[in-house]
Amino acid sequence: MRVGIMGDTHGDIPSIRQAVGQAASQAGPIDIWLHTGDFCRDARVLTELAGIPVITVAGNCDGRAAAKPDEFVELAGFLFWLTHGHQHRVKQDLKEIETWALRYEADVVVYGHTHQALAETQSGILFFNPGSTSAPRRGKNRTFGVIELFGAGKLLPRLISLP
């Protein structure tokens, strides 16, 4: 199973289209997309472009969006916690979000907010930030991600740069 992940799209439809096309060509067919918020309404565009399920959460720029602040979804035996991250001080460090991930017994934490891509394992949990398809920070590339899920608890995270 392949999970496509993007966020912090901020209404940049061409970058969403580009990421969907590049995901298919570089990673293979995507089974589900996760969107980390900040313009969670972009998930509707993503759904139309990809033609597959999309789960999204509300970010700090989403106001009174219909999306929830957190979603928990089990995919191929892994518990994913999807959150934007702004409520867990992810711009400072991952300590608070790690504490909550341990309580929730999450296997994978997918978050955004920092606009900086990251795939890092701490305390046996994969912390995955796809960066931003539209507005990366600190001179980084525009990015999105794919996590491939295998049997026996194995997963392969990939961060993919957009040209």
C-alpha atoms as a PDB file:
ATOM      1  CA  MET A   1       0.000   0.000   0.000  1.00  0.00           C
ATOM      2  CA  ARG A   2       1.224   3.488  -0.861  1.00  0.00           C
ATOM      3  CA  VAL A   3       0.150   6.548   1.129  1.00  0.00           C
ATOM      4  CA  GLY A   4       0.652   9.923  -0.548  1.00  0.00           C
ATOM      5  CA  ILE A   5       1.142  12.830   1.827  1.00  0.00           C
ATOM      6  CA  MET A   6       1.047  16.556   1.207  1.00  0.00           C
ATOM      7  CA  GLY A   7       0.103  19.677   3.068  1.00  0.00           C
ATOM      8  CA  ASP A   8       0.596  23.372   3.534  1.00  0.00           C
ATOM      9  CA  THR A   9      -0.662  23.726  -0.034  1.00  0.00           C
ATOM     10  CA  HIS A  10      -2.188  27.166   0.648  1.00  0.00           C
ATOM     11  CA  GLY A  11      -4.468  27.068  -2.409  1.00  0.00           C
ATOM     12  CA  ASP A  12      -1.667  26.421  -4.919  1.00  0.00           C
ATOM     13  CA  ILE A  13      -3.599  24.128  -7.279  1.00  0.00           C
ATOM     14  CA  PRO A  14      -0.790  23.790  -9.871  1.00  0.00           C
ATOM     15  CA  SER A  15       1.554  22.426  -7.173  1.00  0.00           C
ATOM     16  CA  ILE A  16      -1.071  19.898  -6.084  1.00  0.00           C
ATOM     17  CA  ARG A  17      -1.512  18.777  -9.688  1.00  0.00           C
ATOM     18  CA  GLN A  18       2.266  18.524 -10.078  1.00  0.00           C
ATOM     19  CA  ALA A  19       2.638  16.419  -6.914  1.00  0.00           C
ATOM     20  CA  VAL A  20      -0.123  14.006  -7.959  1.00  0.00           C
ATOM     21  CA  GLY A  21       1.524  13.496 -11.357  1.00  0.00           C
ATOM     22  CA  GLN A  22       4.991  13.121  -9.920  1.00  0.00           C
ATOM     23  CA  ALA A  23       3.815  10.675  -7.237  1.00  0.00           C
ATOM     24  CA  ALA A  24       2.445   8.335  -9.891  1.00  0.00           C
ATOM     25  CA  SER A  25       5.585   8.495 -12.010  1.00  0.00           C
ATOM     26  CA  GLN A  26       8.143   8.240  -9.185  1.00  0.00           C
ATOM     27  CA  ALA A  27       6.456   6.095  -6.548  1.00  0.00           C
ATOM     28  CA  GLY A  28       3.783   4.119  -8.371  1.00  0.00           C
ATOM     29  CA  PRO A  29       0.037   4.066  -7.788  1.00  0.00           C
ATOM     30  CA  ILE A  30      -1.078   5.852  -4.615  1.00  0.00           C
ATOM     31  CA  ASP A  31      -3.882   4.171  -2.647  1.00  0.00           C
ATOM     32  CA  ILE A  32      -4.841   7.059  -0.353  1.00  0.00           C
ATOM     33  CA  TRP A  33      -3.731  10.654   0.212  1.00  0.00           C
ATOM     34  CA  LEU A  34      -3.307  12.398   3.562  1.00  0.00           C
ATOM     35  CA  HIS A  35      -3.367  16.213   3.662  1.00  0.00           C
ATOM     36  CA  THR A  36      -1.851  17.948   6.700  1.00  0.00           C
ATOM     37  CA  GLY A  37      -3.970  21.096   6.506  1.00  0.00           C
ATOM     38  CA  ASP A  38      -3.442  24.760   5.809  1.00  0.00           C
ATOM     39  CA  PHE A  39      -5.998  25.045   3.134  1.00  0.00           C
ATOM     40  CA  CYS A  40      -7.635  21.744   3.984  1.00  0.00           C
ATOM     41  CA  ARG A  41     -10.219  22.671   1.342  1.00  0.00           C
ATOM     42  CA  ASP A  42      -7.458  21.822  -1.148  1.00  0.00           C
ATOM     43  CA  ALA A  43      -8.240  18.200  -0.274  1.00  0.00           C
ATOM     44  CA  ARG A  44     -11.327  18.480  -2.502  1.00  0.00           C
ATOM     45  CA  VAL A  45      -9.090  19.407  -5.432  1.00  0.00           C
ATOM     46  CA  LEU A  46      -6.742  16.578  -4.518  1.00  0.00           C
ATOM     47  CA  THR A  47      -9.677  14.139  -4.481  1.00  0.00           C
ATOM     48  CA  GLU A  48     -10.782  15.291  -7.946  1.00  0.00           C
ATOM     49  CA  LEU A  49      -7.265  15.074  -9.384  1.00  0.00           C
ATOM     50  CA  ALA A  50      -6.299  11.732  -7.841  1.00  0.00           C
ATOM     51  CA  GLY A  51      -9.690  10.018  -7.895  1.00  0.00           C
ATOM     52  CA  ILE A  52      -8.953   8.222  -4.614  1.00  0.00           C
ATOM     53  CA  PRO A  53      -9.791   8.831  -0.936  1.00  0.00           C
ATOM     54  CA  VAL A  54      -8.228  11.828   0.793  1.00  0.00           C
ATOM     55  CA  ILE A  55      -8.162  12.416   4.546  1.00  0.00           C
ATOM     56  CA  THR A  56      -7.417  15.937   5.729  1.00  0.00           C
ATOM     57  CA  VAL A  57      -7.132  17.904   8.959  1.00  0.00           C
ATOM     58  CA  ALA A  58      -7.527  21.594   9.723  1.00  0.00           C
ATOM     59  CA  GLY A  59      -4.442  23.753  10.132  1.00  0.00           C
ATOM     60  CA  ASN A  60      -3.920  27.135  11.742  1.00  0.00           C
ATOM     61  CA  CYS A  61      -4.839  28.906   8.458  1.00  0.00           C
ATOM     62  CA  ASP A  62      -8.114  27.022   8.011  1.00  0.00           C
ATOM     63  CA  GLY A  63     -10.386  29.082  10.275  1.00  0.00           C
ATOM     64  CA  ARG A  64     -13.698  27.357  10.861  1.00  0.00           C
ATOM     65  CA  ALA A  65     -13.078  24.574   8.377  1.00  0.00           C
ATOM     66  CA  ALA A  66     -15.210  21.464   8.312  1.00  0.00           C
ATOM     67  CA  ALA A  67     -12.129  19.306   8.926  1.00  0.00           C
ATOM     68  CA  LYS A  68     -11.164  18.007  12.363  1.00  0.00           C
ATOM     69  CA  PRO A  69      -7.868  18.998  14.019  1.00  0.00           C
ATOM     70  CA  ASP A  70      -6.789  15.342  14.276  1.00  0.00           C
ATOM     71  CA  GLU A  71      -7.583  12.124  12.452  1.00  0.00           C
ATOM     72  CA  PHE A  72      -6.559   8.592  13.352  1.00  0.00           C
ATOM     73  CA  VAL A  73      -6.570   5.978  10.639  1.00  0.00           C
ATOM     74  CA  GLU A  74      -5.320   2.410  10.499  1.00  0.00           C
ATOM     75  CA  LEU A  75      -3.615   1.528   7.247  1.00  0.00           C
ATOM     76  CA  ALA A  76      -2.138  -1.918   6.606  1.00  0.00           C
ATOM     77  CA  GLY A  77      -1.845  -2.528  10.345  1.00  0.00           C
ATOM     78  CA  PHE A  78      -0.182   0.828  11.159  1.00  0.00           C
ATOM     79  CA  LEU A  79      -1.926   3.466  13.261  1.00  0.00           C
ATOM     80  CA  PHE A  80      -1.465   6.870  11.626  1.00  0.00           C
ATOM     81  CA  TRP A  81      -2.083  10.072  13.578  1.00  0.00           C
ATOM     82  CA  LEU A  82      -2.699  12.927  11.151  1.00  0.00           C
ATOM     83  CA  THR A  83      -2.484  16.437  12.624  1.00  0.00           C
ATOM     84  CA  HIS A  84      -1.346  19.839  11.415  1.00  0.00           C
ATOM     85  CA  GLY A  85       0.972  20.180  14.409  1.00  0.00           C
ATOM     86  CA  HIS A  86       0.454  23.824  15.342  1.00  0.00           C
ATOM     87  CA  GLN A  87      -1.290  22.821  18.574  1.00  0.00           C
ATOM     88  CA  HIS A  88       1.745  20.726  19.555  1.00  0.00           C
ATOM     89  CA  ARG A  89       4.507  23.324  19.109  1.00  0.00           C
ATOM     90  CA  VAL A  90       6.227  21.442  16.275  1.00  0.00           C
ATOM     91  CA  LYS A  91       8.101  24.576  15.216  1.00  0.00           C
ATOM     92  CA  GLN A  92      10.061  24.373  18.493  1.00  0.00           C
ATOM     93  CA  ASP A  93      10.696  20.616  18.658  1.00  0.00           C
ATOM     94  CA  LEU A  94       8.932  17.250  18.564  1.00  0.00           C
ATOM     95  CA  LYS A  95       8.829  16.638  22.338  1.00  0.00           C
ATOM     96  CA  GLU A  96       5.160  17.481  22.878  1.00  0.00           C
ATOM     97  CA  ILE A  97       3.896  15.661  19.795  1.00  0.00           C
ATOM     98  CA  GLU A  98       6.049  12.664  20.707  1.00  0.00           C
ATOM     99  CA  THR A  99       4.486  12.548  24.193  1.00  0.00           C
ATOM    100  CA  TRP A 100       1.005  12.486  22.670  1.00  0.00           C
ATOM    101  CA  ALA A 101       1.997   9.948  20.000  1.00  0.00           C
ATOM    102  CA  LEU A 102       3.187   7.582  22.715  1.00  0.00           C
ATOM    103  CA  ARG A 103      -0.113   8.007  24.588  1.00  0.00           C
ATOM    104  CA  TYR A 104      -2.106   7.375  21.415  1.00  0.00           C
ATOM    105  CA  GLU A 105       0.128   4.398  20.563  1.00  0.00           C
ATOM    106  CA  ALA A 106       0.596   5.788  17.056  1.00  0.00           C
ATOM    107  CA  ASP A 107       3.027   4.074  14.720  1.00  0.00           C
ATOM    108  CA  VAL A 108       3.254   7.051  12.363  1.00  0.00           C
ATOM    109  CA  VAL A 109       2.687  10.744  13.064  1.00  0.00           C
ATOM    110  CA  VAL A 110       1.991  12.809   9.957  1.00  0.00           C
ATOM    111  CA  TYR A 111       2.071  16.549  10.529  1.00  0.00           C
ATOM    112  CA  GLY A 112       2.751  19.834   8.752  1.00  0.00           C
ATOM    113  CA  HIS A 113       2.912  23.486   9.872  1.00  0.00           C
ATOM    114  CA  THR A 114       6.696  23.927   9.625  1.00  0.00           C
ATOM    115  CA  HIS A 115       6.816  23.807   5.797  1.00  0.00           C
ATOM    116  CA  GLN A 116       9.992  21.728   6.226  1.00  0.00           C
ATOM    117  CA  ALA A 117      10.158  18.099   5.134  1.00  0.00           C
ATOM    118  CA  LEU A 118      11.199  15.517   7.717  1.00  0.00           C
ATOM    119  CA  ALA A 119      11.174  11.728   8.022  1.00  0.00           C
ATOM    120  CA  GLU A 120      12.617  10.708  11.370  1.00  0.00           C
ATOM    121  CA  THR A 121      12.069   7.856  13.805  1.00  0.00           C
ATOM    122  CA  GLN A 122      11.988   8.566  17.539  1.00  0.00           C
ATOM    123  CA  SER A 123      10.837   6.189  20.274  1.00  0.00           C
ATOM    124  CA  GLY A 124       9.885   3.669  17.586  1.00  0.00           C
ATOM    125  CA  ILE A 125       7.488   6.151  15.929  1.00  0.00           C
ATOM    126  CA  LEU A 126       7.921   7.570  12.431  1.00  0.00           C
ATOM    127  CA  PHE A 127       7.469  11.361  12.443  1.00  0.00           C
ATOM    128  CA  PHE A 128       6.721  12.450   8.890  1.00  0.00           C
ATOM    129  CA  ASN A 129       6.300  15.995   7.637  1.00  0.00           C
ATOM    130  CA  PRO A 130       5.830  16.258   3.860  1.00  0.00           C
ATOM    131  CA  GLY A 131       6.981  19.870   3.813  1.00  0.00           C
ATOM    132  CA  SER A 132       5.026  22.167   1.515  1.00  0.00           C
ATOM    133  CA  THR A 133       4.111  21.841  -2.145  1.00  0.00           C
ATOM    134  CA  SER A 134       3.710  25.607  -2.400  1.00  0.00           C
ATOM    135  CA  ALA A 135       5.849  27.551   0.090  1.00  0.00           C
ATOM    136  CA  PRO A 136       8.859  25.755   1.568  1.00  0.00           C
ATOM    137  CA  ARG A 137      10.862  27.498   4.276  1.00  0.00           C
ATOM    138  CA  ARG A 138      14.567  28.050   4.862  1.00  0.00           C
ATOM    139  CA  GLY A 139      15.564  27.730   1.219  1.00  0.00           C
ATOM    140  CA  LYS A 140      14.321  24.162   0.902  1.00  0.00           C
ATOM    141  CA  ASN A 141      12.624  22.597  -2.119  1.00  0.00           C
ATOM    142  CA  ARG A 142       8.885  22.220  -2.529  1.00  0.00           C
ATOM    143  CA  THR A 143       8.118  18.685  -1.365  1.00  0.00           C
ATOM    144  CA  PHE A 144       5.514  16.015  -0.695  1.00  0.00           C
ATOM    145  CA  GLY A 145       5.890  12.456   0.522  1.00  0.00           C
ATOM    146  CA  VAL A 146       4.985   8.834   0.056  1.00  0.00           C
ATOM    147  CA  ILE A 147       5.054   6.110   2.676  1.00  0.00           C
ATOM    148  CA  GLU A 148       4.990   2.584   1.338  1.00  0.00           C
ATOM    149  CA  LEU A 149       3.547   0.041   3.775  1.00  0.00           C
ATOM    150  CA  PHE A 150       4.657  -3.587   3.725  1.00  0.00           C
ATOM    151  CA  GLY A 151       3.718  -6.602   5.822  1.00  0.00           C
ATOM    152  CA  ALA A 152       5.472  -7.507   9.075  1.00  0.00           C
ATOM    153  CA  GLY A 153       5.499  -3.917  10.334  1.00  0.00           C
ATOM    154  CA  LYS A 154       7.844  -2.597   7.650  1.00  0.00           C
ATOM    155  CA  LEU A 155       7.404   0.795   6.026  1.00  0.00           C
ATOM    156  CA  LEU A 156       9.440   2.938   3.664  1.00  0.00           C
ATOM    157  CA  PRO A 157       9.085   6.743   3.896  1.00  0.00           C
ATOM    158  CA  ARG A 158      10.138   8.906   0.946  1.00  0.00           C
ATOM    159  CA  LEU A 159      10.306  12.656   0.576  1.00  0.00           C
ATOM    160  CA  ILE A 160      10.015  13.814  -3.023  1.00  0.00           C
ATOM    161  CA  SER A 161      11.086  17.228  -4.308  1.00  0.00           C
ATOM    162  CA  LEU A 162       9.089  19.112  -6.887  1.00  0.00           C
ATOM    163  CA  PRO A 163      11.052  20.854  -9.664  1.00  0.00           C
END
